[in-house]
């Protein structure tokens, strides 16, 4: 089975890099959407949104460079752990994201599905730590 997955490793890395660069870019295009899910106990929500956007773009680009790939994969894991509280806050506090497409009120399932998805994303990034 592992041999079968190996052939997908390179294309999935490009997909992963693209997803992080696009997601990070959206932190600058529509920062107000992201500010709404920053837990209120954290200072400077807008600065944190921009910082996480820069981090997402950096890890995405880092995954494309062989010399930085492993570091970027570990940084992706650290980033996912760092943003996990925002996903918990969004799920627990039933945050409605004003200005989001579709009304910004995700279903209960969608709110809670983000949490285990973080684990999947961490495992995906771990695949590139070698």
C-alpha atoms as a PDB file:
ATOM      1  CA  UNK A   1       0.000   0.000   0.000  1.00  0.00           C
ATOM      2  CA  UNK A   2       2.803   2.405   0.851  1.00  0.00           C
ATOM      3  CA  UNK A   3       4.271   2.044  -2.635  1.00  0.00           C
ATOM      4  CA  UNK A   4       0.889   3.020  -4.071  1.00  0.00           C
ATOM      5  CA  UNK A   5       0.798   6.225  -2.021  1.00  0.00           C
ATOM      6  CA  UNK A   6       4.362   7.174  -2.918  1.00  0.00           C
ATOM      7  CA  UNK A   7       3.409   8.034  -6.485  1.00  0.00           C
ATOM      8  CA  UNK A   8       0.968  10.636  -5.154  1.00  0.00           C
ATOM      9  CA  UNK A   9       3.451  12.252  -2.797  1.00  0.00           C
ATOM     10  CA  UNK A  10       4.810  14.822  -5.271  1.00  0.00           C
ATOM     11  CA  UNK A  11       1.464  15.946  -6.766  1.00  0.00           C
ATOM     12  CA  UNK A  12      -0.089  16.122  -3.298  1.00  0.00           C
ATOM     13  CA  UNK A  13       2.825  18.292  -2.147  1.00  0.00           C
ATOM     14  CA  UNK A  14       2.111  20.738  -4.971  1.00  0.00           C
ATOM     15  CA  UNK A  15      -1.562  20.720  -4.031  1.00  0.00           C
ATOM     16  CA  UNK A  16      -0.712  21.288  -0.377  1.00  0.00           C
ATOM     17  CA  UNK A  17       1.619  24.156  -1.229  1.00  0.00           C
ATOM     18  CA  UNK A  18      -1.025  25.762  -3.429  1.00  0.00           C
ATOM     19  CA  UNK A  19      -3.681  25.443  -0.728  1.00  0.00           C
ATOM     20  CA  UNK A  20      -1.482  27.142   1.875  1.00  0.00           C
ATOM     21  CA  UNK A  21      -0.425  29.955  -0.464  1.00  0.00           C
ATOM     22  CA  UNK A  22      -4.039  30.619  -1.489  1.00  0.00           C
ATOM     23  CA  UNK A  23      -5.333  30.367   2.088  1.00  0.00           C
ATOM     24  CA  UNK A  24      -2.582  32.666   3.319  1.00  0.00           C
ATOM     25  CA  UNK A  25      -3.318  35.171   0.566  1.00  0.00           C
ATOM     26  CA  UNK A  26      -6.953  35.331   1.637  1.00  0.00           C
ATOM     27  CA  UNK A  27      -5.773  36.596   5.038  1.00  0.00           C
ATOM     28  CA  UNK A  28      -4.788  39.787   3.200  1.00  0.00           C
ATOM     29  CA  UNK A  29      -7.704  39.916   0.766  1.00  0.00           C
ATOM     30  CA  UNK A  30     -10.482  39.486   3.360  1.00  0.00           C
ATOM     31  CA  UNK A  31      -8.826  39.847   6.775  1.00  0.00           C
ATOM     32  CA  UNK A  32     -12.107  40.797   8.465  1.00  0.00           C
ATOM     33  CA  UNK A  33     -13.411  37.257   7.937  1.00  0.00           C
ATOM     34  CA  UNK A  34     -10.459  35.799   9.814  1.00  0.00           C
ATOM     35  CA  UNK A  35     -10.438  38.401  12.587  1.00  0.00           C
ATOM     36  CA  UNK A  36     -13.871  37.157  13.631  1.00  0.00           C
ATOM     37  CA  UNK A  37     -12.570  33.716  14.579  1.00  0.00           C
ATOM     38  CA  UNK A  38      -9.560  34.884  16.586  1.00  0.00           C
ATOM     39  CA  UNK A  39     -10.341  34.024  20.212  1.00  0.00           C
ATOM     40  CA  UNK A  40     -11.058  37.236  22.132  1.00  0.00           C
ATOM     41  CA  UNK A  41      -8.434  36.382  24.768  1.00  0.00           C
ATOM     42  CA  UNK A  42      -5.685  36.887  22.178  1.00  0.00           C
ATOM     43  CA  UNK A  43      -4.296  40.384  21.584  1.00  0.00           C
ATOM     44  CA  UNK A  44      -4.192  42.230  18.247  1.00  0.00           C
ATOM     45  CA  UNK A  45      -6.483  39.997  16.164  1.00  0.00           C
ATOM     46  CA  UNK A  46      -5.729  41.749  12.874  1.00  0.00           C
ATOM     47  CA  UNK A  47      -1.980  41.441  13.418  1.00  0.00           C
ATOM     48  CA  UNK A  48      -2.435  37.731  14.197  1.00  0.00           C
ATOM     49  CA  UNK A  49      -4.452  37.282  11.002  1.00  0.00           C
ATOM     50  CA  UNK A  50      -1.703  38.920   8.949  1.00  0.00           C
ATOM     51  CA  UNK A  51       0.990  36.947  10.767  1.00  0.00           C
ATOM     52  CA  UNK A  52      -0.789  33.646  10.144  1.00  0.00           C
ATOM     53  CA  UNK A  53      -1.302  34.662   6.500  1.00  0.00           C
ATOM     54  CA  UNK A  54       2.420  35.290   6.065  1.00  0.00           C
ATOM     55  CA  UNK A  55       3.148  31.977   7.796  1.00  0.00           C
ATOM     56  CA  UNK A  56       0.770  30.062   5.513  1.00  0.00           C
ATOM     57  CA  UNK A  57       2.288  31.589   2.393  1.00  0.00           C
ATOM     58  CA  UNK A  58       5.806  30.905   3.690  1.00  0.00           C
ATOM     59  CA  UNK A  59       5.152  27.239   4.474  1.00  0.00           C
ATOM     60  CA  UNK A  60       3.394  26.790   1.140  1.00  0.00           C
ATOM     61  CA  UNK A  61       6.373  28.185  -0.753  1.00  0.00           C
ATOM     62  CA  UNK A  62       8.815  26.339   1.506  1.00  0.00           C
ATOM     63  CA  UNK A  63       7.205  23.021   0.626  1.00  0.00           C
ATOM     64  CA  UNK A  64       8.170  23.595  -3.009  1.00  0.00           C
ATOM     65  CA  UNK A  65      11.891  24.043  -2.359  1.00  0.00           C
ATOM     66  CA  UNK A  66      13.760  20.780  -1.743  1.00  0.00           C
ATOM     67  CA  UNK A  67      16.228  22.428   0.644  1.00  0.00           C
ATOM     68  CA  UNK A  68      13.458  23.860   2.861  1.00  0.00           C
ATOM     69  CA  UNK A  69      10.799  21.200   2.411  1.00  0.00           C
ATOM     70  CA  UNK A  70      11.366  19.385   5.700  1.00  0.00           C
ATOM     71  CA  UNK A  71      11.570  22.635   7.682  1.00  0.00           C
ATOM     72  CA  UNK A  72       8.423  23.914   5.985  1.00  0.00           C
ATOM     73  CA  UNK A  73       6.603  20.681   6.801  1.00  0.00           C
ATOM     74  CA  UNK A  74       7.519  21.001  10.482  1.00  0.00           C
ATOM     75  CA  UNK A  75       6.548  24.677  10.396  1.00  0.00           C
ATOM     76  CA  UNK A  76       3.200  23.681   8.872  1.00  0.00           C
ATOM     77  CA  UNK A  77       2.591  21.336  11.785  1.00  0.00           C
ATOM     78  CA  UNK A  78       3.484  24.100  14.240  1.00  0.00           C
ATOM     79  CA  UNK A  79       1.192  26.527  12.423  1.00  0.00           C
ATOM     80  CA  UNK A  80      -1.714  24.079  12.499  1.00  0.00           C
ATOM     81  CA  UNK A  81      -1.232  23.603  16.231  1.00  0.00           C
ATOM     82  CA  UNK A  82      -1.042  27.386  16.713  1.00  0.00           C
ATOM     83  CA  UNK A  83      -4.288  28.098  14.859  1.00  0.00           C
ATOM     84  CA  UNK A  84      -6.161  25.217  16.470  1.00  0.00           C
ATOM     85  CA  UNK A  85      -7.559  27.462  19.249  1.00  0.00           C
ATOM     86  CA  UNK A  86      -9.285  29.612  16.604  1.00  0.00           C
ATOM     87  CA  UNK A  87     -11.040  26.525  15.249  1.00  0.00           C
ATOM     88  CA  UNK A  88     -12.048  25.446  18.749  1.00  0.00           C
ATOM     89  CA  UNK A  89     -13.308  28.960  19.497  1.00  0.00           C
ATOM     90  CA  UNK A  90     -15.326  28.983  16.272  1.00  0.00           C
ATOM     91  CA  UNK A  91     -16.917  25.617  17.067  1.00  0.00           C
ATOM     92  CA  UNK A  92     -17.603  26.190  20.755  1.00  0.00           C
ATOM     93  CA  UNK A  93     -18.753  29.804  20.513  1.00  0.00           C
ATOM     94  CA  UNK A  94     -20.940  29.241  17.443  1.00  0.00           C
ATOM     95  CA  UNK A  95     -19.302  32.179  15.671  1.00  0.00           C
ATOM     96  CA  UNK A  96     -21.190  33.514  12.673  1.00  0.00           C
ATOM     97  CA  UNK A  97     -18.706  34.950  10.212  1.00  0.00           C
ATOM     98  CA  UNK A  98     -20.173  38.209   8.952  1.00  0.00           C
ATOM     99  CA  UNK A  99     -19.517  38.802   5.255  1.00  0.00           C
ATOM    100  CA  UNK A 100     -18.668  35.182   4.451  1.00  0.00           C
ATOM    101  CA  UNK A 101     -20.155  33.555   1.350  1.00  0.00           C
ATOM    102  CA  UNK A 102     -23.323  31.626   2.121  1.00  0.00           C
ATOM    103  CA  UNK A 103     -24.279  33.819   5.065  1.00  0.00           C
ATOM    104  CA  UNK A 104     -21.322  32.917   7.263  1.00  0.00           C
ATOM    105  CA  UNK A 105     -23.222  30.611   9.586  1.00  0.00           C
ATOM    106  CA  UNK A 106     -21.706  27.146   9.088  1.00  0.00           C
ATOM    107  CA  UNK A 107     -23.645  24.141  10.242  1.00  0.00           C
ATOM    108  CA  UNK A 108     -22.801  22.516  13.552  1.00  0.00           C
ATOM    109  CA  UNK A 109     -21.238  19.625  11.635  1.00  0.00           C
ATOM    110  CA  UNK A 110     -19.045  21.987   9.597  1.00  0.00           C
ATOM    111  CA  UNK A 111     -17.928  23.807  12.749  1.00  0.00           C
ATOM    112  CA  UNK A 112     -16.846  20.612  14.500  1.00  0.00           C
ATOM    113  CA  UNK A 113     -15.498  18.913  11.339  1.00  0.00           C
ATOM    114  CA  UNK A 114     -12.688  21.476  11.238  1.00  0.00           C
ATOM    115  CA  UNK A 115     -11.196  20.048  14.422  1.00  0.00           C
ATOM    116  CA  UNK A 116     -10.390  16.503  13.204  1.00  0.00           C
ATOM    117  CA  UNK A 117      -9.470  17.990   9.826  1.00  0.00           C
ATOM    118  CA  UNK A 118      -6.552  19.670  11.600  1.00  0.00           C
ATOM    119  CA  UNK A 119      -5.271  16.193  12.488  1.00  0.00           C
ATOM    120  CA  UNK A 120      -5.481  15.096   8.860  1.00  0.00           C
ATOM    121  CA  UNK A 121      -3.614  18.223   7.768  1.00  0.00           C
ATOM    122  CA  UNK A 122      -0.933  17.586  10.392  1.00  0.00           C
ATOM    123  CA  UNK A 123      -0.460  14.021   9.136  1.00  0.00           C
ATOM    124  CA  UNK A 124      -0.302  15.286   5.561  1.00  0.00           C
ATOM    125  CA  UNK A 125       2.423  17.765   6.502  1.00  0.00           C
ATOM    126  CA  UNK A 126       4.275  15.097   8.511  1.00  0.00           C
ATOM    127  CA  UNK A 127       4.573  13.062   5.304  1.00  0.00           C
ATOM    128  CA  UNK A 128       7.045  15.686   4.033  1.00  0.00           C
ATOM    129  CA  UNK A 129       9.244  15.925   7.134  1.00  0.00           C
ATOM    130  CA  UNK A 130      11.693  13.278   5.889  1.00  0.00           C
END
